[in-house]
Amino acid sequence: MGLSTVLKAKTRQAKGGGPAGRLRAGGLLPAVFYGPGLETAQSLTLDYKEFKTAFMTSEGNRSLYTLDIEGRGREAALLKDYQVSPLSRKVIHADFYRVDPNQPVTVKVPVVLSGKPAGVEKGGQLQAGLREVTVATLPGQAPAELTLDVSALGLGQSLHLSQVTAPAGLKLVFSTDLPVATVVIPKGVKTEAEVAEAPEAEAAKAAPAKAAPAKKGKK
């Protein structure tokens, strides 16, 4: 679930580029924790390797975490933003926003397509439209991913957001009804309708043309 990933954190006093650089050199990640119920933002340090593992490979949702802050206890937090070094491509700072475990939050969840579409069996190609979707849910109910069954899709058919039945406790949030997945028709592959029409078209071509009615001559 969304808060299954726990990150240990410590408060820090020193601020600025110099102290932050020394923290990174020591394998730590500077961070800030703010939000409802906090009078001021708190400066934190996290273990960089622990954060990287959670962010890159965690089975939990990569937006929601539980911060285990030394001297404060555990807090539900949303990874609101992070900064990446343009040179090393490593995360160099993280912003965590305090959330109420009893209030819904809006997060992005990866999409996983399940099943082999009927249209693929007939020569089509499955094409993913969205890599992730936005959902509203309680922090503790946020899934690691959203699995969608696409086995019923035929040639040329799409699964749109409005057609997705979200699991209990989740609500899809979207303004445009985009396709999540589509079975595209490669060049040369005929749809079922075209296959059904083919014999009729061939029969029409093979049928002899009707002779025009003879004109009556004058008496």
N, C-alpha and C. Protein backbone atom coordinates (compact mmCIF):
# COMPACT_ATOMS: atom_id res chain seq x y z
N MET A 1 0.84 -1.19 0.00
CA MET A 1 0.00 0.00 0.00
C MET A 1 0.88 1.25 0.00
N GLY A 2 0.25 2.38 -0.08
CA GLY A 2 0.96 3.61 -0.29
C GLY A 2 1.98 3.97 0.78
N LEU A 3 1.68 3.67 2.06
CA LEU A 3 2.60 4.07 3.11
C LEU A 3 3.44 2.91 3.61
N SER A 4 3.61 1.88 2.80
CA SER A 4 4.37 0.73 3.23
C SER A 4 5.86 1.02 3.29
N THR A 5 6.32 2.02 2.55
CA THR A 5 7.74 2.35 2.52
C THR A 5 8.06 3.36 3.60
N VAL A 6 8.91 2.95 4.53
CA VAL A 6 9.30 3.81 5.64
C VAL A 6 10.70 4.35 5.39
N LEU A 7 10.86 5.66 5.52
CA LEU A 7 12.16 6.31 5.37
C LEU A 7 12.56 6.92 6.70
N LYS A 8 13.73 6.56 7.19
CA LYS A 8 14.22 7.14 8.43
C LYS A 8 14.80 8.53 8.14
N ALA A 9 14.54 9.47 9.03
CA ALA A 9 15.00 10.84 8.84
C ALA A 9 15.45 11.44 10.16
N LYS A 10 16.35 12.42 10.05
CA LYS A 10 16.82 13.16 11.21
C LYS A 10 16.68 14.66 10.93
N THR A 11 16.43 15.42 11.96
CA THR A 11 16.35 16.88 11.78
C THR A 11 17.77 17.43 11.65
N ARG A 12 17.90 18.54 10.93
CA ARG A 12 19.21 19.19 10.76
C ARG A 12 19.05 20.69 11.00
N GLN A 13 20.11 21.27 11.50
CA GLN A 13 20.09 22.70 11.81
C GLN A 13 20.78 23.53 10.72
N ALA A 14 21.93 23.04 10.26
CA ALA A 14 22.70 23.79 9.27
C ALA A 14 21.97 23.81 7.93
N LYS A 15 21.94 25.00 7.32
CA LYS A 15 21.29 25.17 6.04
C LYS A 15 22.25 25.84 5.06
N GLY A 16 21.87 25.85 3.78
CA GLY A 16 22.71 26.50 2.78
C GLY A 16 23.43 25.49 1.92
N GLY A 17 24.06 26.01 0.86
CA GLY A 17 24.72 25.15 -0.11
C GLY A 17 25.92 24.40 0.44
N GLY A 18 26.72 25.08 1.28
CA GLY A 18 27.91 24.43 1.82
C GLY A 18 27.59 23.22 2.68
N PRO A 19 26.78 23.38 3.73
CA PRO A 19 26.41 22.24 4.57
C PRO A 19 25.69 21.15 3.78
N ALA A 20 24.83 21.54 2.82
CA ALA A 20 24.10 20.56 2.02
C ALA A 20 25.07 19.73 1.19
N GLY A 21 26.09 20.39 0.64
CA GLY A 21 27.09 19.67 -0.15
C GLY A 21 27.85 18.67 0.70
N ARG A 22 28.17 19.03 1.93
CA ARG A 22 28.89 18.12 2.81
C ARG A 22 28.01 16.93 3.20
N LEU A 23 26.72 17.18 3.36
CA LEU A 23 25.81 16.09 3.68
C LEU A 23 25.77 15.08 2.52
N ARG A 24 25.68 15.59 1.31
CA ARG A 24 25.64 14.70 0.14
C ARG A 24 26.93 13.90 0.03
N ALA A 25 28.05 14.56 0.31
CA ALA A 25 29.34 13.87 0.24
C ALA A 25 29.41 12.74 1.27
N GLY A 26 28.64 12.89 2.34
CA GLY A 26 28.62 11.86 3.38
C GLY A 26 27.53 10.82 3.18
N GLY A 27 26.91 10.82 2.02
CA GLY A 27 25.90 9.81 1.73
C GLY A 27 24.51 10.13 2.23
N LEU A 28 24.27 11.41 2.53
CA LEU A 28 22.96 11.82 3.03
C LEU A 28 22.24 12.68 2.01
N LEU A 29 20.94 12.75 2.14
CA LEU A 29 20.11 13.54 1.24
C LEU A 29 19.41 14.65 2.02
N PRO A 30 19.70 15.92 1.72
CA PRO A 30 18.98 17.01 2.38
C PRO A 30 17.51 16.99 1.94
N ALA A 31 16.62 17.29 2.88
CA ALA A 31 15.19 17.30 2.57
C ALA A 31 14.49 18.32 3.45
N VAL A 32 13.25 18.63 3.09
CA VAL A 32 12.43 19.53 3.89
C VAL A 32 11.06 18.91 4.07
N PHE A 33 10.47 19.12 5.23
CA PHE A 33 9.17 18.54 5.57
C PHE A 33 8.25 19.69 6.01
N TYR A 34 7.11 19.85 5.33
CA TYR A 34 6.22 20.96 5.64
C TYR A 34 4.77 20.54 5.39
N GLY A 35 3.84 21.39 5.80
CA GLY A 35 2.43 21.10 5.54
C GLY A 35 1.54 21.39 6.73
N PRO A 36 0.26 20.99 6.64
CA PRO A 36 -0.70 21.26 7.72
C PRO A 36 -0.24 20.70 9.06
N GLY A 37 -0.43 21.51 10.10
CA GLY A 37 -0.06 21.06 11.44
C GLY A 37 1.37 21.37 11.82
N LEU A 38 2.16 21.88 10.89
CA LEU A 38 3.54 22.24 11.17
C LEU A 38 3.66 23.76 11.13
N GLU A 39 4.15 24.34 12.20
CA GLU A 39 4.27 25.80 12.25
C GLU A 39 5.28 26.30 11.23
N THR A 40 6.39 25.60 11.14
CA THR A 40 7.42 25.96 10.16
C THR A 40 7.92 24.70 9.48
N ALA A 41 8.52 24.89 8.32
CA ALA A 41 9.10 23.75 7.60
C ALA A 41 10.29 23.20 8.39
N GLN A 42 10.43 21.88 8.39
CA GLN A 42 11.52 21.23 9.10
C GLN A 42 12.57 20.75 8.11
N SER A 43 13.82 21.06 8.39
CA SER A 43 14.92 20.57 7.55
C SER A 43 15.33 19.19 8.04
N LEU A 44 15.43 18.24 7.10
CA LEU A 44 15.74 16.86 7.44
C LEU A 44 16.92 16.34 6.64
N THR A 45 17.45 15.22 7.08
CA THR A 45 18.42 14.46 6.29
C THR A 45 17.94 13.01 6.23
N LEU A 46 18.10 12.41 5.06
CA LEU A 46 17.75 11.01 4.86
C LEU A 46 18.98 10.28 4.34
N ASP A 47 18.99 8.99 4.52
CA ASP A 47 20.05 8.18 3.92
C ASP A 47 19.80 8.10 2.42
N TYR A 48 20.77 8.54 1.62
CA TYR A 48 20.56 8.61 0.17
C TYR A 48 20.26 7.25 -0.43
N LYS A 49 21.01 6.22 -0.05
CA LYS A 49 20.80 4.89 -0.63
C LYS A 49 19.42 4.36 -0.29
N GLU A 50 18.97 4.60 0.94
CA GLU A 50 17.63 4.15 1.35
C GLU A 50 16.56 4.86 0.53
N PHE A 51 16.74 6.16 0.34
CA PHE A 51 15.78 6.92 -0.45
C PHE A 51 15.78 6.44 -1.91
N LYS A 52 16.95 6.25 -2.48
CA LYS A 52 17.05 5.82 -3.88
C LYS A 52 16.38 4.47 -4.08
N THR A 53 16.61 3.55 -3.15
CA THR A 53 15.98 2.23 -3.26
C THR A 53 14.47 2.33 -3.21
N ALA A 54 13.96 3.16 -2.30
CA ALA A 54 12.51 3.34 -2.18
C ALA A 54 11.93 4.03 -3.41
N PHE A 55 12.65 4.99 -3.93
CA PHE A 55 12.15 5.79 -5.05
C PHE A 55 12.21 5.01 -6.37
N MET A 56 13.23 4.19 -6.53
CA MET A 56 13.44 3.51 -7.81
C MET A 56 12.86 2.10 -7.85
N THR A 57 12.89 1.38 -6.74
CA THR A 57 12.51 -0.04 -6.79
C THR A 57 11.46 -0.45 -5.77
N SER A 58 10.97 0.49 -4.98
CA SER A 58 10.00 0.13 -3.95
C SER A 58 8.72 -0.44 -4.54
N GLU A 59 8.13 -1.43 -3.84
CA GLU A 59 6.85 -2.00 -4.27
C GLU A 59 5.70 -1.09 -3.87
N GLY A 60 5.95 -0.16 -2.99
CA GLY A 60 4.91 0.78 -2.58
C GLY A 60 4.78 1.91 -3.58
N ASN A 61 3.79 2.74 -3.35
CA ASN A 61 3.61 3.90 -4.22
C ASN A 61 4.79 4.84 -4.05
N ARG A 62 5.31 5.35 -5.17
CA ARG A 62 6.53 6.15 -5.11
C ARG A 62 6.26 7.62 -4.81
N SER A 63 5.02 7.95 -4.52
CA SER A 63 4.69 9.32 -4.14
C SER A 63 4.45 9.45 -2.64
N LEU A 64 4.01 8.36 -2.02
CA LEU A 64 3.63 8.38 -0.61
C LEU A 64 4.61 7.57 0.23
N TYR A 65 4.98 8.15 1.37
CA TYR A 65 5.93 7.48 2.25
C TYR A 65 5.54 7.72 3.70
N THR A 66 6.16 6.96 4.58
CA THR A 66 6.08 7.23 6.01
C THR A 66 7.46 7.70 6.44
N LEU A 67 7.55 8.92 6.91
CA LEU A 67 8.82 9.44 7.42
C LEU A 67 8.92 9.09 8.90
N ASP A 68 9.94 8.36 9.26
CA ASP A 68 10.19 8.03 10.66
C ASP A 68 11.24 9.02 11.16
N ILE A 69 10.76 10.15 11.69
CA ILE A 69 11.64 11.25 12.06
C ILE A 69 12.12 11.07 13.50
N GLU A 70 13.42 11.06 13.67
CA GLU A 70 14.02 10.87 14.98
C GLU A 70 13.54 11.96 15.94
N GLY A 71 13.00 11.54 17.08
CA GLY A 71 12.53 12.48 18.09
C GLY A 71 11.10 12.96 17.86
N ARG A 72 10.50 12.58 16.73
CA ARG A 72 9.13 13.02 16.43
C ARG A 72 8.18 11.86 16.21
N GLY A 73 8.66 10.81 15.62
CA GLY A 73 7.80 9.68 15.31
C GLY A 73 7.48 9.60 13.83
N ARG A 74 6.50 8.82 13.50
CA ARG A 74 6.15 8.58 12.10
C ARG A 74 5.10 9.56 11.58
N GLU A 75 5.33 10.01 10.36
CA GLU A 75 4.43 10.96 9.72
C GLU A 75 4.15 10.51 8.28
N ALA A 76 2.87 10.59 7.87
CA ALA A 76 2.51 10.31 6.48
C ALA A 76 2.94 11.50 5.64
N ALA A 77 3.62 11.22 4.53
CA ALA A 77 4.17 12.32 3.72
C ALA A 77 4.07 12.01 2.24
N LEU A 78 3.82 13.06 1.49
CA LEU A 78 3.76 12.99 0.03
C LEU A 78 5.04 13.62 -0.52
N LEU A 79 5.72 12.89 -1.41
CA LEU A 79 6.90 13.44 -2.07
C LEU A 79 6.42 14.48 -3.07
N LYS A 80 6.47 15.73 -2.67
CA LYS A 80 5.88 16.81 -3.45
C LYS A 80 6.78 17.23 -4.61
N ASP A 81 8.08 17.22 -4.37
CA ASP A 81 9.02 17.65 -5.40
C ASP A 81 10.41 17.13 -5.06
N TYR A 82 11.28 17.11 -6.06
CA TYR A 82 12.68 16.74 -5.81
C TYR A 82 13.54 17.39 -6.88
N GLN A 83 14.80 17.60 -6.54
CA GLN A 83 15.75 18.22 -7.46
C GLN A 83 16.79 17.20 -7.88
N VAL A 84 17.15 17.26 -9.16
CA VAL A 84 18.13 16.33 -9.72
C VAL A 84 19.33 17.10 -10.24
N SER A 85 20.52 16.59 -9.96
CA SER A 85 21.73 17.23 -10.47
C SER A 85 21.81 17.07 -11.98
N PRO A 86 22.05 18.14 -12.73
CA PRO A 86 22.15 18.02 -14.19
C PRO A 86 23.37 17.24 -14.65
N LEU A 87 24.35 17.10 -13.76
CA LEU A 87 25.57 16.38 -14.12
C LEU A 87 25.51 14.90 -13.74
N SER A 88 25.22 14.63 -12.48
CA SER A 88 25.21 13.24 -12.01
C SER A 88 23.87 12.56 -12.20
N ARG A 89 22.80 13.35 -12.41
CA ARG A 89 21.43 12.84 -12.52
C ARG A 89 20.95 12.21 -11.22
N LYS A 90 21.60 12.51 -10.12
CA LYS A 90 21.19 12.01 -8.82
C LYS A 90 20.24 13.01 -8.16
N VAL A 91 19.33 12.50 -7.35
CA VAL A 91 18.46 13.38 -6.57
C VAL A 91 19.31 14.05 -5.51
N ILE A 92 19.24 15.39 -5.43
CA ILE A 92 20.08 16.12 -4.49
C ILE A 92 19.26 16.83 -3.40
N HIS A 93 17.93 16.83 -3.55
CA HIS A 93 17.09 17.44 -2.52
C HIS A 93 15.66 16.95 -2.71
N ALA A 94 14.94 16.74 -1.60
CA ALA A 94 13.56 16.25 -1.67
C ALA A 94 12.65 17.10 -0.79
N ASP A 95 11.44 17.35 -1.28
CA ASP A 95 10.43 18.09 -0.53
C ASP A 95 9.28 17.14 -0.16
N PHE A 96 9.02 17.00 1.12
CA PHE A 96 7.94 16.14 1.59
C PHE A 96 6.83 17.00 2.20
N TYR A 97 5.58 16.66 1.83
CA TYR A 97 4.42 17.41 2.31
C TYR A 97 3.62 16.53 3.27
N ARG A 98 3.35 17.05 4.45
CA ARG A 98 2.63 16.30 5.47
C ARG A 98 1.17 16.11 5.05
N VAL A 99 0.67 14.88 5.16
CA VAL A 99 -0.72 14.60 4.80
C VAL A 99 -1.44 13.95 5.98
N ASP A 100 -2.75 14.11 5.98
CA ASP A 100 -3.60 13.49 7.00
C ASP A 100 -3.98 12.10 6.51
N PRO A 101 -3.64 11.04 7.25
CA PRO A 101 -3.96 9.68 6.84
C PRO A 101 -5.45 9.44 6.62
N ASN A 102 -6.29 10.31 7.19
CA ASN A 102 -7.74 10.13 7.08
C ASN A 102 -8.37 10.99 5.98
N GLN A 103 -7.54 11.73 5.24
CA GLN A 103 -8.05 12.58 4.18
C GLN A 103 -7.49 12.11 2.82
N PRO A 104 -8.33 12.11 1.77
CA PRO A 104 -7.85 11.66 0.46
C PRO A 104 -6.73 12.55 -0.09
N VAL A 105 -5.84 11.92 -0.83
CA VAL A 105 -4.78 12.65 -1.53
C VAL A 105 -4.84 12.26 -3.00
N THR A 106 -4.27 13.09 -3.85
CA THR A 106 -4.23 12.81 -5.28
C THR A 106 -2.80 12.44 -5.67
N VAL A 107 -2.63 11.24 -6.20
CA VAL A 107 -1.29 10.75 -6.57
C VAL A 107 -1.35 10.09 -7.93
N LYS A 108 -0.18 9.95 -8.53
CA LYS A 108 -0.06 9.24 -9.80
C LYS A 108 0.37 7.80 -9.56
N VAL A 109 -0.29 6.89 -10.29
CA VAL A 109 -0.04 5.46 -10.11
C VAL A 109 0.32 4.83 -11.46
N PRO A 110 1.37 4.02 -11.51
CA PRO A 110 1.75 3.36 -12.76
C PRO A 110 0.65 2.41 -13.25
N VAL A 111 0.52 2.30 -14.57
CA VAL A 111 -0.47 1.40 -15.17
C VAL A 111 0.22 0.14 -15.68
N VAL A 112 -0.37 -1.01 -15.37
CA VAL A 112 0.13 -2.30 -15.87
C VAL A 112 -0.99 -2.95 -16.68
N LEU A 113 -0.71 -3.29 -17.94
CA LEU A 113 -1.71 -3.93 -18.80
C LEU A 113 -1.61 -5.43 -18.65
N SER A 114 -2.76 -6.06 -18.44
CA SER A 114 -2.80 -7.50 -18.20
C SER A 114 -3.64 -8.20 -19.26
N GLY A 115 -3.22 -9.40 -19.66
CA GLY A 115 -3.97 -10.19 -20.62
C GLY A 115 -3.54 -9.94 -22.06
N LYS A 116 -3.83 -10.91 -22.92
CA LYS A 116 -3.51 -10.77 -24.34
C LYS A 116 -4.79 -10.41 -25.08
N PRO A 117 -4.85 -9.22 -25.67
CA PRO A 117 -6.07 -8.78 -26.35
C PRO A 117 -6.48 -9.71 -27.49
N ALA A 118 -7.81 -9.84 -27.67
CA ALA A 118 -8.33 -10.67 -28.76
C ALA A 118 -7.83 -10.16 -30.10
N GLY A 119 -7.68 -8.84 -30.22
CA GLY A 119 -7.21 -8.26 -31.47
C GLY A 119 -5.77 -8.60 -31.78
N VAL A 120 -4.96 -8.84 -30.76
CA VAL A 120 -3.57 -9.23 -30.98
C VAL A 120 -3.51 -10.64 -31.55
N GLU A 121 -4.44 -11.50 -31.11
CA GLU A 121 -4.53 -12.87 -31.64
C GLU A 121 -4.82 -12.86 -33.14
N LYS A 122 -5.41 -11.75 -33.61
CA LYS A 122 -5.78 -11.65 -35.03
C LYS A 122 -4.83 -10.75 -35.82
N GLY A 123 -3.66 -10.50 -35.25
CA GLY A 123 -2.65 -9.76 -35.99
C GLY A 123 -2.43 -8.33 -35.56
N GLY A 124 -3.21 -7.83 -34.59
CA GLY A 124 -3.05 -6.46 -34.13
C GLY A 124 -1.87 -6.30 -33.18
N GLN A 125 -1.57 -5.08 -32.85
CA GLN A 125 -0.47 -4.78 -31.94
C GLN A 125 -0.98 -3.93 -30.78
N LEU A 126 -0.67 -4.35 -29.56
CA LEU A 126 -1.10 -3.62 -28.38
C LEU A 126 -0.20 -2.41 -28.17
N GLN A 127 -0.81 -1.25 -28.02
CA GLN A 127 -0.06 -0.01 -27.83
C GLN A 127 -0.54 0.68 -26.56
N ALA A 128 0.39 0.91 -25.62
CA ALA A 128 0.04 1.58 -24.37
C ALA A 128 -0.14 3.07 -24.62
N GLY A 129 -1.21 3.63 -24.10
CA GLY A 129 -1.47 5.06 -24.27
C GLY A 129 -0.98 5.88 -23.10
N LEU A 130 -1.13 5.35 -21.88
CA LEU A 130 -0.73 6.06 -20.67
C LEU A 130 0.14 5.16 -19.81
N ARG A 131 1.23 5.71 -19.31
CA ARG A 131 2.11 4.96 -18.43
C ARG A 131 1.66 5.04 -16.97
N GLU A 132 0.90 6.08 -16.64
CA GLU A 132 0.40 6.26 -15.29
C GLU A 132 -0.90 7.04 -15.31
N VAL A 133 -1.69 6.89 -14.26
CA VAL A 133 -2.95 7.60 -14.14
C VAL A 133 -2.98 8.31 -12.78
N THR A 134 -3.84 9.31 -12.67
CA THR A 134 -3.99 10.05 -11.42
C THR A 134 -5.21 9.53 -10.68
N VAL A 135 -5.03 9.23 -9.40
CA VAL A 135 -6.14 8.72 -8.59
C VAL A 135 -6.25 9.52 -7.29
N ALA A 136 -7.45 9.56 -6.75
CA ALA A 136 -7.69 10.14 -5.43
C ALA A 136 -8.00 8.99 -4.48
N THR A 137 -7.32 8.95 -3.35
CA THR A 137 -7.49 7.85 -2.42
C THR A 137 -6.93 8.23 -1.05
N LEU A 138 -7.27 7.46 -0.05
CA LEU A 138 -6.67 7.66 1.26
C LEU A 138 -5.20 7.26 1.18
N PRO A 139 -4.31 7.94 1.89
CA PRO A 139 -2.89 7.63 1.80
C PRO A 139 -2.56 6.15 2.00
N GLY A 140 -3.21 5.54 2.96
CA GLY A 140 -2.91 4.14 3.24
C GLY A 140 -3.47 3.16 2.24
N GLN A 141 -4.29 3.63 1.29
CA GLN A 141 -4.91 2.74 0.31
C GLN A 141 -4.34 2.93 -1.10
N ALA A 142 -3.36 3.80 -1.23
CA ALA A 142 -2.78 4.04 -2.56
C ALA A 142 -2.02 2.80 -3.02
N PRO A 143 -2.37 2.27 -4.19
CA PRO A 143 -1.70 1.05 -4.66
C PRO A 143 -0.34 1.35 -5.28
N ALA A 144 0.48 0.31 -5.38
CA ALA A 144 1.77 0.46 -6.04
C ALA A 144 1.59 0.62 -7.53
N GLU A 145 0.51 0.01 -8.06
CA GLU A 145 0.22 0.08 -9.49
C GLU A 145 -1.25 -0.23 -9.72
N LEU A 146 -1.73 0.10 -10.91
CA LEU A 146 -3.12 -0.19 -11.27
C LEU A 146 -3.09 -1.16 -12.45
N THR A 147 -3.56 -2.39 -12.22
CA THR A 147 -3.55 -3.43 -13.25
C THR A 147 -4.88 -3.42 -14.00
N LEU A 148 -4.81 -3.31 -15.33
CA LEU A 148 -6.00 -3.25 -16.17
C LEU A 148 -6.02 -4.42 -17.14
N ASP A 149 -7.14 -5.12 -17.21
CA ASP A 149 -7.30 -6.25 -18.12
C ASP A 149 -7.70 -5.75 -19.50
N VAL A 150 -6.90 -6.05 -20.51
CA VAL A 150 -7.17 -5.59 -21.88
C VAL A 150 -7.45 -6.77 -22.82
N SER A 151 -7.72 -7.94 -22.26
CA SER A 151 -7.91 -9.13 -23.08
C SER A 151 -9.13 -9.05 -24.00
N ALA A 152 -10.10 -8.20 -23.68
CA ALA A 152 -11.32 -8.11 -24.49
C ALA A 152 -11.17 -7.17 -25.68
N LEU A 153 -10.09 -6.43 -25.77
CA LEU A 153 -9.93 -5.47 -26.86
C LEU A 153 -9.75 -6.16 -28.21
N GLY A 154 -10.56 -5.74 -29.18
CA GLY A 154 -10.44 -6.28 -30.53
C GLY A 154 -9.61 -5.37 -31.41
N LEU A 155 -9.50 -5.72 -32.68
CA LEU A 155 -8.74 -4.92 -33.62
C LEU A 155 -9.30 -3.50 -33.70
N GLY A 156 -8.43 -2.51 -33.55
CA GLY A 156 -8.84 -1.12 -33.66
C GLY A 156 -9.56 -0.58 -32.45
N GLN A 157 -9.70 -1.36 -31.38
CA GLN A 157 -10.43 -0.91 -30.20
C GLN A 157 -9.48 -0.32 -29.15
N SER A 158 -10.03 0.58 -28.31
CA SER A 158 -9.25 1.23 -27.26
C SER A 158 -9.96 1.13 -25.92
N LEU A 159 -9.18 1.16 -24.87
CA LEU A 159 -9.71 1.25 -23.51
C LEU A 159 -9.45 2.67 -23.03
N HIS A 160 -10.52 3.44 -22.81
CA HIS A 160 -10.39 4.82 -22.37
C HIS A 160 -10.53 4.93 -20.86
N LEU A 161 -10.10 6.05 -20.32
CA LEU A 161 -10.17 6.26 -18.88
C LEU A 161 -11.59 6.13 -18.34
N SER A 162 -12.55 6.61 -19.11
CA SER A 162 -13.94 6.55 -18.67
C SER A 162 -14.46 5.11 -18.59
N GLN A 163 -13.76 4.17 -19.22
CA GLN A 163 -14.19 2.78 -19.22
C GLN A 163 -13.51 1.95 -18.14
N VAL A 164 -12.58 2.57 -17.43
CA VAL A 164 -11.83 1.86 -16.39
C VAL A 164 -12.65 1.82 -15.10
N THR A 165 -12.81 0.64 -14.55
CA THR A 165 -13.48 0.47 -13.27
C THR A 165 -12.41 0.43 -12.19
N ALA A 166 -12.32 1.49 -11.42
CA ALA A 166 -11.28 1.58 -10.39
C ALA A 166 -11.63 0.68 -9.21
N PRO A 167 -10.62 0.10 -8.57
CA PRO A 167 -10.85 -0.72 -7.37
C PRO A 167 -11.50 0.11 -6.27
N ALA A 168 -12.10 -0.57 -5.33
CA ALA A 168 -12.75 0.10 -4.20
C ALA A 168 -11.74 0.98 -3.47
N GLY A 169 -12.15 2.19 -3.15
CA GLY A 169 -11.28 3.11 -2.44
C GLY A 169 -10.49 4.03 -3.35
N LEU A 170 -10.58 3.80 -4.66
CA LEU A 170 -9.86 4.63 -5.63
C LEU A 170 -10.84 5.36 -6.54
N LYS A 171 -10.47 6.56 -6.93
CA LYS A 171 -11.26 7.32 -7.90
C LYS A 171 -10.32 7.91 -8.93
N LEU A 172 -10.56 7.59 -10.19
CA LEU A 172 -9.73 8.15 -11.25
C LEU A 172 -10.02 9.64 -11.41
N VAL A 173 -8.97 10.42 -11.58
CA VAL A 173 -9.09 11.86 -11.75
C VAL A 173 -8.56 12.23 -13.13
N PHE A 174 -9.42 12.76 -14.00
CA PHE A 174 -8.98 13.16 -15.33
C PHE A 174 -9.96 14.16 -15.92
N SER A 175 -9.45 14.98 -16.81
CA SER A 175 -10.28 15.97 -17.49
C SER A 175 -10.49 15.62 -18.96
N THR A 176 -9.56 14.83 -19.50
CA THR A 176 -9.65 14.38 -20.89
C THR A 176 -9.71 12.87 -20.92
N ASP A 177 -10.67 12.34 -21.65
CA ASP A 177 -10.88 10.89 -21.69
C ASP A 177 -9.88 10.24 -22.66
N LEU A 178 -8.65 10.12 -22.21
CA LEU A 178 -7.58 9.59 -23.05
C LEU A 178 -7.61 8.06 -23.10
N PRO A 179 -7.08 7.46 -24.19
CA PRO A 179 -7.00 6.00 -24.26
C PRO A 179 -5.84 5.49 -23.40
N VAL A 180 -6.11 4.47 -22.62
CA VAL A 180 -5.08 3.84 -21.81
C VAL A 180 -4.32 2.81 -22.63
N ALA A 181 -5.04 2.15 -23.53
CA ALA A 181 -4.42 1.14 -24.40
C ALA A 181 -5.25 1.01 -25.67
N THR A 182 -4.57 0.68 -26.77
CA THR A 182 -5.22 0.52 -28.07
C THR A 182 -4.61 -0.65 -28.81
N VAL A 183 -5.46 -1.42 -29.50
CA VAL A 183 -4.95 -2.48 -30.38
C VAL A 183 -4.94 -1.89 -31.79
N VAL A 184 -3.76 -1.49 -32.22
CA VAL A 184 -3.64 -0.86 -33.54
C VAL A 184 -3.63 -1.93 -34.63
N ILE A 185 -4.09 -1.53 -35.82
CA ILE A 185 -4.17 -2.46 -36.95
C ILE A 185 -3.00 -2.22 -37.90
N PRO A 186 -2.07 -3.15 -37.98
CA PRO A 186 -0.94 -3.00 -38.90
C PRO A 186 -1.41 -3.00 -40.35
N LYS A 187 -0.63 -2.42 -41.22
CA LYS A 187 -0.96 -2.38 -42.64
C LYS A 187 -1.07 -3.79 -43.19
N GLY A 188 -2.15 -4.05 -43.89
CA GLY A 188 -2.35 -5.37 -44.48
C GLY A 188 -3.24 -6.29 -43.68
N VAL A 189 -3.49 -5.95 -42.40
CA VAL A 189 -4.36 -6.77 -41.55
C VAL A 189 -5.78 -6.25 -41.65
N LYS A 190 -6.72 -7.14 -41.93
CA LYS A 190 -8.11 -6.75 -42.11
C LYS A 190 -8.90 -6.91 -40.81
N THR A 191 -9.84 -6.02 -40.60
CA THR A 191 -10.73 -6.13 -39.45
C THR A 191 -11.77 -7.20 -39.72
N GLU A 192 -12.52 -7.59 -38.69
CA GLU A 192 -13.55 -8.61 -38.84
C GLU A 192 -14.61 -8.15 -39.84
N ALA A 193 -14.95 -6.87 -39.81
CA ALA A 193 -15.96 -6.35 -40.73
C ALA A 193 -15.47 -6.46 -42.18
N GLU A 194 -14.18 -6.15 -42.38
CA GLU A 194 -13.63 -6.24 -43.74
C GLU A 194 -13.58 -7.67 -44.22
N VAL A 195 -13.25 -8.59 -43.30
CA VAL A 195 -13.22 -10.01 -43.67
C VAL A 195 -14.61 -10.49 -44.03
N ALA A 196 -15.62 -10.03 -43.28
CA ALA A 196 -17.00 -10.45 -43.55
C ALA A 196 -17.50 -9.88 -44.87
N GLU A 197 -17.06 -8.68 -45.22
CA GLU A 197 -17.51 -8.03 -46.45
C GLU A 197 -16.82 -8.56 -47.69
N ALA A 198 -15.65 -9.19 -47.51
CA ALA A 198 -14.87 -9.65 -48.66
C ALA A 198 -15.64 -10.62 -49.56
N PRO A 199 -16.26 -11.69 -49.03
CA PRO A 199 -17.00 -12.62 -49.92
C PRO A 199 -18.11 -11.93 -50.70
N GLU A 200 -18.81 -10.99 -50.06
CA GLU A 200 -19.89 -10.30 -50.74
C GLU A 200 -19.35 -9.44 -51.88
N ALA A 201 -18.21 -8.81 -51.62
CA ALA A 201 -17.61 -7.97 -52.66
C ALA A 201 -17.15 -8.82 -53.84
N GLU A 202 -16.56 -9.99 -53.53
CA GLU A 202 -16.10 -10.89 -54.61
C GLU A 202 -17.29 -11.41 -55.39
N ALA A 203 -18.37 -11.73 -54.69
CA ALA A 203 -19.56 -12.23 -55.37
C ALA A 203 -20.17 -11.18 -56.28
N ALA A 204 -20.13 -9.94 -55.83
CA ALA A 204 -20.67 -8.84 -56.63
C ALA A 204 -19.85 -8.65 -57.90
N LYS A 205 -18.53 -8.83 -57.78
CA LYS A 205 -17.67 -8.68 -58.96
C LYS A 205 -17.91 -9.80 -59.96
N ALA A 206 -18.15 -11.03 -59.44
CA ALA A 206 -18.30 -12.19 -60.30
C ALA A 206 -19.68 -12.27 -60.95
N ALA A 207 -20.68 -11.63 -60.39
CA ALA A 207 -22.04 -11.70 -60.93
C ALA A 207 -22.10 -11.03 -62.30
N PRO A 208 -22.79 -11.68 -63.31
CA PRO A 208 -22.91 -11.07 -64.66
C PRO A 208 -23.72 -9.79 -64.61
N ALA A 209 -23.32 -8.85 -65.41
CA ALA A 209 -24.04 -7.57 -65.46
C ALA A 209 -25.40 -7.77 -66.11
N LYS A 210 -26.41 -7.11 -65.57
CA LYS A 210 -27.75 -7.23 -66.12
C LYS A 210 -27.86 -6.45 -67.44
N ALA A 211 -28.48 -7.09 -68.43
CA ALA A 211 -28.64 -6.43 -69.74
C ALA A 211 -29.65 -5.31 -69.63
N ALA A 212 -29.35 -4.24 -70.30
CA ALA A 212 -30.29 -3.10 -70.29
C ALA A 212 -31.53 -3.45 -71.05
N PRO A 213 -32.68 -3.05 -70.64
CA PRO A 213 -33.94 -3.37 -71.35
C PRO A 213 -33.95 -2.77 -72.76
N ALA A 214 -34.43 -3.56 -73.75
CA ALA A 214 -34.44 -3.11 -75.15
C ALA A 214 -35.47 -2.00 -75.33
N LYS A 215 -35.12 -1.03 -76.16
CA LYS A 215 -36.04 0.06 -76.45
C LYS A 215 -37.03 -0.35 -77.51
N LYS A 216 -38.24 0.07 -77.34
CA LYS A 216 -39.29 -0.27 -78.29
C LYS A 216 -39.16 0.64 -79.53
N GLY A 217 -39.23 0.06 -80.74
CA GLY A 217 -39.13 0.85 -81.97
C GLY A 217 -40.47 1.44 -82.34
N LYS A 218 -40.44 2.39 -83.27
CA LYS A 218 -41.67 3.00 -83.74
C LYS A 218 -42.40 2.07 -84.70
N LYS A 219 -43.70 2.07 -84.66
CA LYS A 219 -44.51 1.28 -85.58
C LYS A 219 -44.58 1.96 -86.92
